Amino acid sequence: MRKVVIKLLIFIVLVIGLGLIARYSVLNFIYKNQPTSIYETKKIPQCVFVGNSRINNALNDSVFANEIKDFEIHNYAIPGMSFNYSLKMIEKLSTQTSNSVFYVELGQMHTSIPYRAFPYFSIGDQVEATQYFYQNYNLGNMRSIKKWLFESTNLVYNTITSQKYFNILSGKVKLNNNLKYSPRCDKYSGDFIMISKNNFAYQQVVLENKQYKYLITSVIVELSKQNNRIYFLLPVTFKDANEKQIVSSIYRQIPIENKLIYSDNFLNQISSNKNLADNNHLNVFGSNIFTQEMIYQFKKAKH
């Protein structure tokens, strides 16, 4: 029995080691062969939205651009993007522009990123973002341990599916992209954003997360060096109650000058099932409401 256990442990170590080596090779290949142009120096000030599929679906950048003439409008939200990688993207973008405005949706951090985002991040970027995730990570309860194990496993999962990335790059696999704005309306069973801004005062601080504070503070400082501004906004919907607790807690700790506060008119309009494509994304009706709110917020602020 002891020999079997030892052999099993050796096998696991070898699989993980080979997996990480393969992942490193895949990332290098994609990074070198799929250069992105979004980091080119921009002469015109930009208004950039960053986040995951919720922002990607919610913002109609064409409508936004028709209203805001003096800024380049970009929706760089990527499905599956986690919060720590969104901030890394903003850091890279901010070095190439000045007098620009960045909007980033708050969300949970994790260590893996979708293959669509690989061209935007070097190996160093990914390692650094992963280290941020584990820095001071609290293993004080079973949920935290399960989360840590899950995120560690994601690194191996990325490796197991790495052949998929090569196939996509070589044109052997075509992405099955759904319509960006779906009119379909399913019954929504998740959590909406708080209907009243005052509701935040009633919640207890559920998480003192040093990583969030460090990342948010550092990116605010970095952007100010280039005379750029950044605003953090709450998701309109939350994936689960745990995310809602974490994100709402972090939102309260953000400096007021870097916090986007939704208007009462928007809050009254958006909290309806008819604005949802599924339990986590807005449909075309919700997108129109969200986009108009962002236009209003942008015009209201002094840039």
C-alpha atoms as a PDB file:
ATOM      1  CA  MET A   1       0.000   0.000   0.000  1.00  0.00           C
ATOM      2  CA  ARG A   2       2.825   2.367   0.871  1.00  0.00           C
ATOM      3  CA  LYS A   3       4.482   1.806  -2.521  1.00  0.00           C
ATOM      4  CA  VAL A   4       1.213   2.538  -4.278  1.00  0.00           C
ATOM      5  CA  VAL A   5       0.815   5.818  -2.396  1.00  0.00           C
ATOM      6  CA  ILE A   6       4.396   6.852  -3.179  1.00  0.00           C
ATOM      7  CA  LYS A   7       3.949   6.011  -6.866  1.00  0.00           C
ATOM      8  CA  LEU A   8       0.704   7.943  -6.922  1.00  0.00           C
ATOM      9  CA  LEU A   9       2.339  11.008  -5.361  1.00  0.00           C
ATOM     10  CA  ILE A  10       5.218  10.832  -7.842  1.00  0.00           C
ATOM     11  CA  PHE A  11       2.728  10.549 -10.694  1.00  0.00           C
ATOM     12  CA  ILE A  12       0.778  13.592  -9.467  1.00  0.00           C
ATOM     13  CA  VAL A  13       3.962  15.667  -9.135  1.00  0.00           C
ATOM     14  CA  LEU A  14       5.060  14.690 -12.640  1.00  0.00           C
ATOM     15  CA  VAL A  15       1.668  15.508 -14.146  1.00  0.00           C
ATOM     16  CA  ILE A  16       1.535  18.915 -12.471  1.00  0.00           C
ATOM     17  CA  GLY A  17       5.150  19.674 -13.373  1.00  0.00           C
ATOM     18  CA  LEU A  18       4.715  18.702 -17.013  1.00  0.00           C
ATOM     19  CA  GLY A  19       1.405  20.555 -17.084  1.00  0.00           C
ATOM     20  CA  LEU A  20       2.939  23.794 -15.873  1.00  0.00           C
ATOM     21  CA  ILE A  21       5.802  23.482 -18.366  1.00  0.00           C
ATOM     22  CA  ALA A  22       3.286  22.918 -21.149  1.00  0.00           C
ATOM     23  CA  ARG A  23       1.223  25.895 -20.000  1.00  0.00           C
ATOM     24  CA  TYR A  24       4.308  28.097 -19.998  1.00  0.00           C
ATOM     25  CA  SER A  25       5.116  26.984 -23.552  1.00  0.00           C
ATOM     26  CA  VAL A  26       1.564  27.599 -24.735  1.00  0.00           C
ATOM     27  CA  LEU A  27       1.447  31.093 -23.223  1.00  0.00           C
ATOM     28  CA  ASN A  28       4.781  32.015 -24.776  1.00  0.00           C
ATOM     29  CA  PHE A  29       3.657  30.733 -28.157  1.00  0.00           C
ATOM     30  CA  ILE A  30       0.398  32.698 -28.044  1.00  0.00           C
ATOM     31  CA  TYR A  31       2.026  35.849 -26.718  1.00  0.00           C
ATOM     32  CA  LYS A  32       4.679  35.846 -29.450  1.00  0.00           C
ATOM     33  CA  ASN A  33       2.347  34.928 -32.292  1.00  0.00           C
ATOM     34  CA  GLN A  34      -0.731  36.918 -31.364  1.00  0.00           C
ATOM     35  CA  PRO A  35       0.460  40.483 -30.713  1.00  0.00           C
ATOM     36  CA  THR A  36      -2.264  42.945 -29.827  1.00  0.00           C
ATOM     37  CA  SER A  37      -2.520  46.510 -31.029  1.00  0.00           C
ATOM     38  CA  ILE A  38      -4.531  47.881 -28.108  1.00  0.00           C
ATOM     39  CA  TYR A  39      -1.359  48.960 -26.312  1.00  0.00           C
ATOM     40  CA  GLU A  40      -0.228  51.278 -29.085  1.00  0.00           C
ATOM     41  CA  THR A  41       0.154  54.899 -28.027  1.00  0.00           C
ATOM     42  CA  LYS A  42      -3.095  56.830 -28.457  1.00  0.00           C
ATOM     43  CA  LYS A  43      -3.085  60.528 -29.295  1.00  0.00           C
ATOM     44  CA  ILE A  44      -6.779  61.023 -28.571  1.00  0.00           C
ATOM     45  CA  PRO A  45      -7.932  60.524 -24.964  1.00  0.00           C
ATOM     46  CA  GLN A  46      -9.654  57.221 -24.385  1.00  0.00           C
ATOM     47  CA  CYS A  47     -12.661  56.056 -22.452  1.00  0.00           C
ATOM     48  CA  VAL A  48     -11.997  52.396 -21.695  1.00  0.00           C
ATOM     49  CA  PHE A  49     -14.303  49.809 -20.145  1.00  0.00           C
ATOM     50  CA  VAL A  50     -12.693  46.689 -18.672  1.00  0.00           C
ATOM     51  CA  GLY A  51     -14.257  43.663 -17.032  1.00  0.00           C
ATOM     52  CA  ASN A  52     -15.734  40.293 -17.884  1.00  0.00           C
ATOM     53  CA  SER A  53     -18.696  39.146 -19.996  1.00  0.00           C
ATOM     54  CA  ARG A  54     -21.131  41.181 -17.901  1.00  0.00           C
ATOM     55  CA  ILE A  55     -19.569  44.427 -19.123  1.00  0.00           C
ATOM     56  CA  ASN A  56     -18.906  42.990 -22.564  1.00  0.00           C
ATOM     57  CA  ASN A  57     -22.639  42.339 -22.981  1.00  0.00           C
ATOM     58  CA  ALA A  58     -23.855  45.408 -21.115  1.00  0.00           C
ATOM     59  CA  LEU A  59     -22.026  48.225 -22.909  1.00  0.00           C
ATOM     60  CA  ASN A  60     -22.986  49.175 -26.450  1.00  0.00           C
ATOM     61  CA  ASP A  61     -19.795  51.051 -27.327  1.00  0.00           C
ATOM     62  CA  SER A  62     -21.180  52.252 -30.685  1.00  0.00           C
ATOM     63  CA  VAL A  63     -24.030  54.105 -28.976  1.00  0.00           C
ATOM     64  CA  PHE A  64     -21.581  55.458 -26.390  1.00  0.00           C
ATOM     65  CA  ALA A  65     -19.216  56.691 -29.121  1.00  0.00           C
ATOM     66  CA  ASN A  66     -22.039  58.551 -30.902  1.00  0.00           C
ATOM     67  CA  GLU A  67     -22.613  60.597 -27.732  1.00  0.00           C
ATOM     68  CA  ILE A  68     -18.986  61.164 -26.681  1.00  0.00           C
ATOM     69  CA  LYS A  69     -17.068  62.747 -29.544  1.00  0.00           C
ATOM     70  CA  ASP A  70     -13.755  63.819 -27.989  1.00  0.00           C
ATOM     71  CA  PHE A  71     -12.714  60.387 -26.699  1.00  0.00           C
ATOM     72  CA  GLU A  72     -11.909  57.054 -28.317  1.00  0.00           C
ATOM     73  CA  ILE A  73     -14.420  54.601 -26.851  1.00  0.00           C
ATOM     74  CA  HIS A  74     -13.269  51.029 -26.191  1.00  0.00           C
ATOM     75  CA  ASN A  75     -14.998  48.031 -24.670  1.00  0.00           C
ATOM     76  CA  TYR A  76     -12.054  45.800 -23.724  1.00  0.00           C
ATOM     77  CA  ALA A  77     -14.108  43.555 -21.447  1.00  0.00           C
ATOM     78  CA  ILE A  78     -13.276  39.868 -22.010  1.00  0.00           C
ATOM     79  CA  PRO A  79     -15.565  36.957 -21.070  1.00  0.00           C
ATOM     80  CA  GLY A  80     -14.114  35.140 -18.083  1.00  0.00           C
ATOM     81  CA  MET A  81     -11.677  37.902 -17.141  1.00  0.00           C
ATOM     82  CA  SER A  82     -11.032  38.131 -13.401  1.00  0.00           C
ATOM     83  CA  PHE A  83     -10.598  41.355 -11.469  1.00  0.00           C
ATOM     84  CA  ASN A  84      -6.834  41.059 -10.890  1.00  0.00           C
ATOM     85  CA  TYR A  85      -6.205  40.619 -14.620  1.00  0.00           C
ATOM     86  CA  SER A  86      -8.541  43.502 -15.474  1.00  0.00           C
ATOM     87  CA  LEU A  87      -6.331  45.750 -13.364  1.00  0.00           C
ATOM     88  CA  LYS A  88      -3.203  44.416 -15.070  1.00  0.00           C
ATOM     89  CA  MET A  89      -4.725  45.314 -18.444  1.00  0.00           C
ATOM     90  CA  ILE A  90      -5.548  48.821 -17.224  1.00  0.00           C
ATOM     91  CA  GLU A  91      -2.004  49.288 -15.931  1.00  0.00           C
ATOM     92  CA  LYS A  92      -0.609  48.406 -19.353  1.00  0.00           C
ATOM     93  CA  LEU A  93      -3.100  50.585 -21.209  1.00  0.00           C
ATOM     94  CA  SER A  94      -2.583  53.578 -18.931  1.00  0.00           C
ATOM     95  CA  THR A  95       1.111  53.808 -19.813  1.00  0.00           C
ATOM     96  CA  GLN A  96       0.136  54.425 -23.448  1.00  0.00           C
ATOM     97  CA  THR A  97      -2.333  57.238 -22.925  1.00  0.00           C
ATOM     98  CA  SER A  98      -3.051  60.308 -20.813  1.00  0.00           C
ATOM     99  CA  ASN A  99      -6.125  62.365 -19.920  1.00  0.00           C
ATOM    100  CA  SER A 100      -8.136  59.186 -20.317  1.00  0.00           C
ATOM    101  CA  VAL A 101     -10.909  57.578 -18.286  1.00  0.00           C
ATOM    102  CA  PHE A 102     -11.064  53.926 -17.245  1.00  0.00           C
ATOM    103  CA  TYR A 103     -14.112  52.091 -15.929  1.00  0.00           C
ATOM    104  CA  VAL A 104     -13.591  48.698 -14.322  1.00  0.00           C
ATOM    105  CA  GLU A 105     -16.243  46.384 -12.949  1.00  0.00           C
ATOM    106  CA  LEU A 106     -15.527  44.937  -9.531  1.00  0.00           C
ATOM    107  CA  GLY A 107     -15.430  41.165  -9.352  1.00  0.00           C
ATOM    108  CA  GLN A 108     -13.733  38.225  -7.739  1.00  0.00           C
ATOM    109  CA  MET A 109     -10.061  37.467  -8.290  1.00  0.00           C
ATOM    110  CA  HIS A 110      -8.709  34.136  -9.430  1.00  0.00           C
ATOM    111  CA  THR A 111      -5.567  32.738 -11.011  1.00  0.00           C
ATOM    112  CA  SER A 112      -6.689  31.532 -14.420  1.00  0.00           C
ATOM    113  CA  ILE A 113      -7.632  33.602 -17.459  1.00  0.00           C
ATOM    114  CA  PRO A 114      -9.441  32.629 -20.665  1.00  0.00           C
ATOM    115  CA  TYR A 115      -7.382  31.992 -23.774  1.00  0.00           C
ATOM    116  CA  ARG A 116      -8.877  35.126 -25.384  1.00  0.00           C
ATOM    117  CA  ALA A 117      -6.908  37.201 -22.869  1.00  0.00           C
ATOM    118  CA  PHE A 118      -3.522  35.489 -23.352  1.00  0.00           C
ATOM    119  CA  PRO A 119      -2.277  37.957 -26.014  1.00  0.00           C
ATOM    120  CA  TYR A 120      -2.735  40.832 -23.569  1.00  0.00           C
ATOM    121  CA  PHE A 121      -0.465  39.439 -20.863  1.00  0.00           C
ATOM    122  CA  SER A 122       3.140  38.346 -20.818  1.00  0.00           C
ATOM    123  CA  ILE A 123       4.310  35.439 -18.680  1.00  0.00           C
ATOM    124  CA  GLY A 124       5.542  37.990 -16.150  1.00  0.00           C
ATOM    125  CA  ASP A 125       2.130  39.650 -16.011  1.00  0.00           C
ATOM    126  CA  GLN A 126       0.430  36.331 -15.340  1.00  0.00           C
ATOM    127  CA  VAL A 127       2.910  35.306 -12.677  1.00  0.00           C
ATOM    128  CA  GLU A 128       2.582  38.678 -10.954  1.00  0.00           C
ATOM    129  CA  ALA A 129      -1.222  38.596 -11.008  1.00  0.00           C
ATOM    130  CA  THR A 130      -1.176  35.056  -9.628  1.00  0.00           C
ATOM    131  CA  GLN A 131       1.176  36.100  -6.840  1.00  0.00           C
ATOM    132  CA  TYR A 132      -1.181  38.949  -5.952  1.00  0.00           C
ATOM    133  CA  PHE A 133      -3.957  36.418  -5.624  1.00  0.00           C
ATOM    134  CA  TYR A 134      -2.052  34.252  -3.166  1.00  0.00           C
ATOM    135  CA  GLN A 135      -0.452  37.105  -1.225  1.00  0.00           C
ATOM    136  CA  ASN A 136      -1.836  37.095   2.314  1.00  0.00           C
ATOM    137  CA  TYR A 137      -4.525  34.644   1.228  1.00  0.00           C
ATOM    138  CA  ASN A 138      -6.613  33.707   4.237  1.00  0.00           C
ATOM    139  CA  LEU A 139      -6.782  29.950   4.855  1.00  0.00           C
ATOM    140  CA  GLY A 140      -8.691  30.351   8.087  1.00  0.00           C
ATOM    141  CA  ASN A 141     -11.737  28.367   7.078  1.00  0.00           C
ATOM    142  CA  MET A 142     -12.741  25.421   4.911  1.00  0.00           C
ATOM    143  CA  ARG A 143     -14.261  27.622   2.222  1.00  0.00           C
ATOM    144  CA  SER A 144     -10.948  29.449   1.764  1.00  0.00           C
ATOM    145  CA  ILE A 145      -9.062  26.165   1.525  1.00  0.00           C
ATOM    146  CA  LYS A 146     -11.505  24.856  -1.073  1.00  0.00           C
ATOM    147  CA  LYS A 147     -11.110  28.091  -3.043  1.00  0.00           C
ATOM    148  CA  TRP A 148      -7.320  27.828  -2.914  1.00  0.00           C
ATOM    149  CA  LEU A 149      -7.390  24.236  -4.141  1.00  0.00           C
ATOM    150  CA  PHE A 150      -9.852  25.088  -6.883  1.00  0.00           C
ATOM    151  CA  GLU A 151      -7.760  27.964  -8.203  1.00  0.00           C
ATOM    152  CA  SER A 152      -4.579  25.879  -8.086  1.00  0.00           C
ATOM    153  CA  THR A 153      -6.332  23.212 -10.111  1.00  0.00           C
ATOM    154  CA  ASN A 154      -7.227  25.827 -12.725  1.00  0.00           C
ATOM    155  CA  LEU A 155      -3.564  26.065 -13.650  1.00  0.00           C
ATOM    156  CA  VAL A 156      -3.534  22.365 -14.492  1.00  0.00           C
ATOM    157  CA  TYR A 157      -6.891  22.636 -16.255  1.00  0.00           C
ATOM    158  CA  ASN A 158      -5.490  25.313 -18.550  1.00  0.00           C
ATOM    159  CA  THR A 159      -2.705  22.942 -19.464  1.00  0.00           C
ATOM    160  CA  ILE A 160      -4.992  19.984 -20.133  1.00  0.00           C
ATOM    161  CA  THR A 161      -7.009  22.116 -22.565  1.00  0.00           C
ATOM    162  CA  SER A 162      -3.942  23.778 -24.085  1.00  0.00           C
ATOM    163  CA  GLN A 163      -4.305  21.843 -27.350  1.00  0.00           C
ATOM    164  CA  LYS A 164      -7.545  23.751 -27.838  1.00  0.00           C
ATOM    165  CA  TYR A 165      -5.583  27.019 -27.904  1.00  0.00           C
ATOM    166  CA  PHE A 166      -3.219  25.728 -30.598  1.00  0.00           C
ATOM    167  CA  ASN A 167      -6.156  24.505 -32.670  1.00  0.00           C
ATOM    168  CA  ILE A 168      -7.854  27.882 -32.433  1.00  0.00           C
ATOM    169  CA  LEU A 169      -4.702  29.741 -33.424  1.00  0.00           C
ATOM    170  CA  SER A 170      -4.100  27.456 -36.401  1.00  0.00           C
ATOM    171  CA  GLY A 171      -7.668  27.902 -37.608  1.00  0.00           C
ATOM    172  CA  LYS A 172      -8.728  24.304 -36.952  1.00  0.00           C
ATOM    173  CA  VAL A 173     -11.422  25.380 -34.518  1.00  0.00           C
ATOM    174  CA  LYS A 174     -13.860  28.235 -35.020  1.00  0.00           C
ATOM    175  CA  LEU A 175     -15.204  30.005 -31.976  1.00  0.00           C
ATOM    176  CA  ASN A 176     -18.915  29.622 -31.381  1.00  0.00           C
ATOM    177  CA  ASN A 177     -19.667  33.212 -30.478  1.00  0.00           C
ATOM    178  CA  ASN A 178     -23.222  33.962 -29.448  1.00  0.00           C
ATOM    179  CA  LEU A 179     -24.929  37.229 -30.298  1.00  0.00           C
ATOM    180  CA  LYS A 180     -23.602  40.004 -28.118  1.00  0.00           C
ATOM    181  CA  TYR A 181     -27.087  41.308 -27.318  1.00  0.00           C
ATOM    182  CA  SER A 182     -29.706  38.622 -26.966  1.00  0.00           C
ATOM    183  CA  PRO A 183     -33.394  39.588 -26.709  1.00  0.00           C
ATOM    184  CA  ARG A 184     -34.109  36.319 -24.888  1.00  0.00           C
ATOM    185  CA  CYS A 185     -35.489  36.827 -21.373  1.00  0.00           C
ATOM    186  CA  ASP A 186     -35.227  33.958 -18.903  1.00  0.00           C
ATOM    187  CA  LYS A 187     -36.477  34.012 -15.348  1.00  0.00           C
ATOM    188  CA  TYR A 188     -33.751  35.465 -13.164  1.00  0.00           C
ATOM    189  CA  SER A 189     -33.100  33.871  -9.784  1.00  0.00           C
ATOM    190  CA  GLY A 190     -29.886  35.671  -8.767  1.00  0.00           C
ATOM    191  CA  ASP A 191     -29.147  38.907  -6.906  1.00  0.00           C
ATOM    192  CA  PHE A 192     -29.539  42.380  -8.393  1.00  0.00           C
ATOM    193  CA  ILE A 193     -27.444  45.321  -7.282  1.00  0.00           C
ATOM    194  CA  MET A 194     -28.639  47.080  -4.150  1.00  0.00           C
ATOM    195  CA  ILE A 195     -31.743  49.086  -4.995  1.00  0.00           C
ATOM    196  CA  SER A 196     -30.747  51.871  -2.620  1.00  0.00           C
ATOM    197  CA  LYS A 197     -27.260  53.311  -2.242  1.00  0.00           C
ATOM    198  CA  ASN A 198     -27.925  53.562   1.500  1.00  0.00           C
ATOM    199  CA  ASN A 199     -28.241  49.805   1.787  1.00  0.00           C
ATOM    200  CA  PHE A 200     -24.466  49.547   1.875  1.00  0.00           C
ATOM    201  CA  ALA A 201     -24.477  51.060   5.347  1.00  0.00           C
ATOM    202  CA  TYR A 202     -26.532  48.147   6.641  1.00  0.00           C
ATOM    203  CA  GLN A 203     -24.074  45.469   5.589  1.00  0.00           C
ATOM    204  CA  GLN A 204     -21.243  44.294   7.783  1.00  0.00           C
ATOM    205  CA  VAL A 205     -17.734  44.224   6.379  1.00  0.00           C
ATOM    206  CA  VAL A 206     -17.481  40.599   5.375  1.00  0.00           C
ATOM    207  CA  LEU A 207     -13.952  40.641   4.052  1.00  0.00           C
ATOM    208  CA  GLU A 208     -10.819  42.600   4.898  1.00  0.00           C
ATOM    209  CA  ASN A 209      -8.883  41.583   1.826  1.00  0.00           C
ATOM    210  CA  LYS A 210      -5.404  43.101   1.604  1.00  0.00           C
ATOM    211  CA  GLN A 211      -5.037  42.027  -2.003  1.00  0.00           C
ATOM    212  CA  TYR A 212      -7.996  44.055  -3.211  1.00  0.00           C
ATOM    213  CA  LYS A 213      -6.898  47.125  -1.265  1.00  0.00           C
ATOM    214  CA  TYR A 214      -3.330  46.844  -2.501  1.00  0.00           C
ATOM    215  CA  LEU A 215      -4.291  46.328  -6.149  1.00  0.00           C
ATOM    216  CA  ILE A 216      -6.895  49.086  -6.208  1.00  0.00           C
ATOM    217  CA  THR A 217      -4.670  51.605  -4.424  1.00  0.00           C
ATOM    218  CA  SER A 218      -1.663  50.865  -6.623  1.00  0.00           C
ATOM    219  CA  VAL A 219      -3.588  51.160  -9.900  1.00  0.00           C
ATOM    220  CA  ILE A 220      -5.140  54.480  -8.814  1.00  0.00           C
ATOM    221  CA  VAL A 221      -1.665  55.844  -8.090  1.00  0.00           C
ATOM    222  CA  GLU A 222      -0.238  54.555 -11.376  1.00  0.00           C
ATOM    223  CA  LEU A 223      -3.033  56.045 -13.458  1.00  0.00           C
ATOM    224  CA  SER A 224      -2.749  59.432 -11.787  1.00  0.00           C
ATOM    225  CA  LYS A 225       0.881  59.661 -12.949  1.00  0.00           C
ATOM    226  CA  GLN A 226      -0.384  59.848 -16.552  1.00  0.00           C
ATOM    227  CA  ASN A 227      -3.267  62.159 -15.592  1.00  0.00           C
ATOM    228  CA  ASN A 228      -5.723  59.309 -16.118  1.00  0.00           C
ATOM    229  CA  ARG A 229      -8.827  58.665 -14.037  1.00  0.00           C
ATOM    230  CA  ILE A 230     -10.342  55.364 -12.948  1.00  0.00           C
ATOM    231  CA  TYR A 231     -13.814  54.528 -11.663  1.00  0.00           C
ATOM    232  CA  PHE A 232     -14.875  51.236 -10.082  1.00  0.00           C
ATOM    233  CA  LEU A 233     -18.449  50.100 -10.538  1.00  0.00           C
ATOM    234  CA  LEU A 234     -20.617  47.356  -9.126  1.00  0.00           C
ATOM    235  CA  PRO A 235     -21.887  44.535 -11.341  1.00  0.00           C
ATOM    236  CA  VAL A 236     -25.545  44.901 -12.209  1.00  0.00           C
ATOM    237  CA  THR A 237     -26.012  41.227 -11.350  1.00  0.00           C
ATOM    238  CA  PHE A 238     -23.929  38.886  -9.221  1.00  0.00           C
ATOM    239  CA  LYS A 239     -22.935  35.328 -10.016  1.00  0.00           C
ATOM    240  CA  ASP A 240     -23.651  34.181  -6.462  1.00  0.00           C
ATOM    241  CA  ALA A 241     -24.247  35.475  -2.941  1.00  0.00           C
ATOM    242  CA  ASN A 242     -20.583  35.012  -2.009  1.00  0.00           C
ATOM    243  CA  GLU A 243     -19.457  37.323  -4.796  1.00  0.00           C
ATOM    244  CA  LYS A 244     -22.064  39.868  -3.762  1.00  0.00           C
ATOM    245  CA  GLN A 245     -20.734  39.936  -0.183  1.00  0.00           C
ATOM    246  CA  ILE A 246     -17.097  40.268  -1.232  1.00  0.00           C
ATOM    247  CA  VAL A 247     -17.611  42.833  -3.978  1.00  0.00           C
ATOM    248  CA  SER A 248     -20.010  44.984  -1.967  1.00  0.00           C
ATOM    249  CA  SER A 249     -17.549  45.053   0.914  1.00  0.00           C
ATOM    250  CA  ILE A 250     -14.691  46.130  -1.340  1.00  0.00           C
ATOM    251  CA  TYR A 251     -16.860  48.746  -3.043  1.00  0.00           C
ATOM    252  CA  ARG A 252     -17.494  50.503   0.264  1.00  0.00           C
ATOM    253  CA  GLN A 253     -13.747  50.851   0.871  1.00  0.00           C
ATOM    254  CA  ILE A 254     -12.951  52.542  -2.457  1.00  0.00           C
ATOM    255  CA  PRO A 255     -12.308  56.322  -2.302  1.00  0.00           C
ATOM    256  CA  ILE A 256     -15.451  58.233  -3.220  1.00  0.00           C
ATOM    257  CA  GLU A 257     -13.677  60.053  -6.058  1.00  0.00           C
ATOM    258  CA  ASN A 258     -12.904  56.695  -7.705  1.00  0.00           C
ATOM    259  CA  LYS A 259     -16.291  55.122  -7.109  1.00  0.00           C
ATOM    260  CA  LEU A 260     -19.109  55.190  -9.641  1.00  0.00           C
ATOM    261  CA  ILE A 261     -22.469  55.550  -7.912  1.00  0.00           C
ATOM    262  CA  TYR A 262     -25.394  54.543 -10.094  1.00  0.00           C
ATOM    263  CA  SER A 263     -28.184  57.087 -10.420  1.00  0.00           C
ATOM    264  CA  ASP A 264     -31.539  56.422  -8.757  1.00  0.00           C
ATOM    265  CA  ASN A 265     -33.183  56.488 -12.176  1.00  0.00           C
ATOM    266  CA  PHE A 266     -30.902  53.689 -13.384  1.00  0.00           C
ATOM    267  CA  LEU A 267     -31.448  51.592 -10.264  1.00  0.00           C
ATOM    268  CA  ASN A 268     -35.202  51.871 -10.673  1.00  0.00           C
ATOM    269  CA  GLN A 269     -35.075  50.849 -14.335  1.00  0.00           C
ATOM    270  CA  ILE A 270     -32.551  48.030 -14.362  1.00  0.00           C
ATOM    271  CA  SER A 271     -33.928  45.777 -11.626  1.00  0.00           C
ATOM    272  CA  SER A 272     -36.353  43.876 -13.834  1.00  0.00           C
ATOM    273  CA  ASN A 273     -36.223  40.378 -15.301  1.00  0.00           C
ATOM    274  CA  LYS A 274     -37.122  41.715 -18.730  1.00  0.00           C
ATOM    275  CA  ASN A 275     -33.639  43.263 -18.985  1.00  0.00           C
ATOM    276  CA  LEU A 276     -31.766  39.954 -18.651  1.00  0.00           C
ATOM    277  CA  ALA A 277     -30.567  37.477 -21.268  1.00  0.00           C
ATOM    278  CA  ASP A 278     -29.727  34.935 -18.565  1.00  0.00           C
ATOM    279  CA  ASN A 279     -29.068  34.939 -14.831  1.00  0.00           C
ATOM    280  CA  ASN A 280     -25.798  36.860 -15.171  1.00  0.00           C
ATOM    281  CA  HIS A 281     -25.996  39.036 -18.314  1.00  0.00           C
ATOM    282  CA  LEU A 282     -28.110  41.879 -19.654  1.00  0.00           C
ATOM    283  CA  ASN A 283     -30.034  41.521 -22.901  1.00  0.00           C
ATOM    284  CA  VAL A 284     -30.493  44.230 -25.526  1.00  0.00           C
ATOM    285  CA  PHE A 285     -33.014  46.107 -23.368  1.00  0.00           C
ATOM    286  CA  GLY A 286     -30.760  46.033 -20.310  1.00  0.00           C
ATOM    287  CA  SER A 287     -27.785  47.004 -22.446  1.00  0.00           C
ATOM    288  CA  ASN A 288     -29.555  50.129 -23.680  1.00  0.00           C
ATOM    289  CA  ILE A 289     -30.350  51.162 -20.107  1.00  0.00           C
ATOM    290  CA  PHE A 290     -26.791  50.462 -18.904  1.00  0.00           C
ATOM    291  CA  THR A 291     -25.178  52.296 -21.842  1.00  0.00           C
ATOM    292  CA  GLN A 292     -27.331  55.380 -21.301  1.00  0.00           C
ATOM    293  CA  GLU A 293     -26.375  55.362 -17.609  1.00  0.00           C
ATOM    294  CA  MET A 294     -22.672  55.249 -18.501  1.00  0.00           C
ATOM    295  CA  ILE A 295     -23.124  58.137 -20.925  1.00  0.00           C
ATOM    296  CA  TYR A 296     -24.855  60.107 -18.177  1.00  0.00           C
ATOM    297  CA  GLN A 297     -22.106  59.278 -15.645  1.00  0.00           C
ATOM    298  CA  PHE A 298     -19.354  60.242 -18.083  1.00  0.00           C
ATOM    299  CA  LYS A 299     -20.936  63.594 -18.936  1.00  0.00           C
ATOM    300  CA  LYS A 300     -21.640  64.326 -15.264  1.00  0.00           C
ATOM    301  CA  ALA A 301     -17.990  63.836 -14.240  1.00  0.00           C
ATOM    302  CA  LYS A 302     -15.369  66.482 -14.904  1.00  0.00           C
ATOM    303  CA  HIS A 303     -12.575  65.061 -17.051  1.00  0.00           C
END
